[in-house]
Amino acid sequence: MRTSVLSVSLLLLLMSFSAFAADPAVGVAEFTNETSAGWWYGGVGRELAGMLSNELAATGKFRVVEREKLDKILAEQDLSESGRVNKATRVKAGKVTGAKYLIFATVSSFEENTAGTGGGISFRGINVGGKKQDAYIAVDLRVVDTTTGDIEYSRSVEARSTGKGINLGLYRGGFGGNLAKHEKTPAGKAIRGVIIEIADYLTCAMVDQDDCMEEFDQKDTSRREKTKKSIKLD
């Protein structure tokens, strides 16, 4: 009886450890920008990284490294790569941060337009009717293994928003800082959408690893086809 109890306890302990070990430890680097988006200014890259970190943590499937710790290690890595530090003593990202993976994201495309239709009204900051507003954003992702430096996952993720009337949207982490004033705009909705899409993709690719990838592969194929069609060759 005692042996049986010990066996069950050991099995439960191993199952608990396996479940914990299966949660990838990740850190999200500050977003970078390659567009002329009007909402991108001081501190936004850090805010987007914080939003993605919150969204990943909210899934319950990742262990997310705290921002301050990650900033320190990235600064040390930059110093190491500059050649001013002995290769034998330069910092090992995985050991110092505790993160198995670092997530790098670049806003590679942003478009926004407003088409007037007339007859709109505004009440306490909520616009009803009158204008159709659209926004599109694309983010290029790279997930790097901190122990090898290899890119383990890469994907371009995109989101669109179309607003005619009340500009609302759901995001679990909320908006703050420099982005707060854009929360109810088409740009804000697109930003929320792409953060959620990134979190969903990373959860699928890095944790679930099941049939969910079919949907993301289809989206990527569609994105590539649209890009090819938009390119005009002489």
Foldseek 3Di string as FASTA:
>chain_A
DVVVVVVVVVVVVVVVVVQVVLQAEEEEDFEAEDDPDPLDDPPVSVQLSVLLLVLLVVVVRHRYFDDVQLVVLVVQVVVVVVVPDDPVPGDQVCVRRVGQKYKYKYWYDKDKDKDFDDDWDDDPHWIAAGIKIKMKTKMWMFIAGSRPRDGPDIDIFMFMDIDGTGQADDRPVADDDSCNVCCRPRVNRRSRVRSNVVSVVCCCVRRVVDPVVVVVVVVRVVVVVVVVVVDDDD
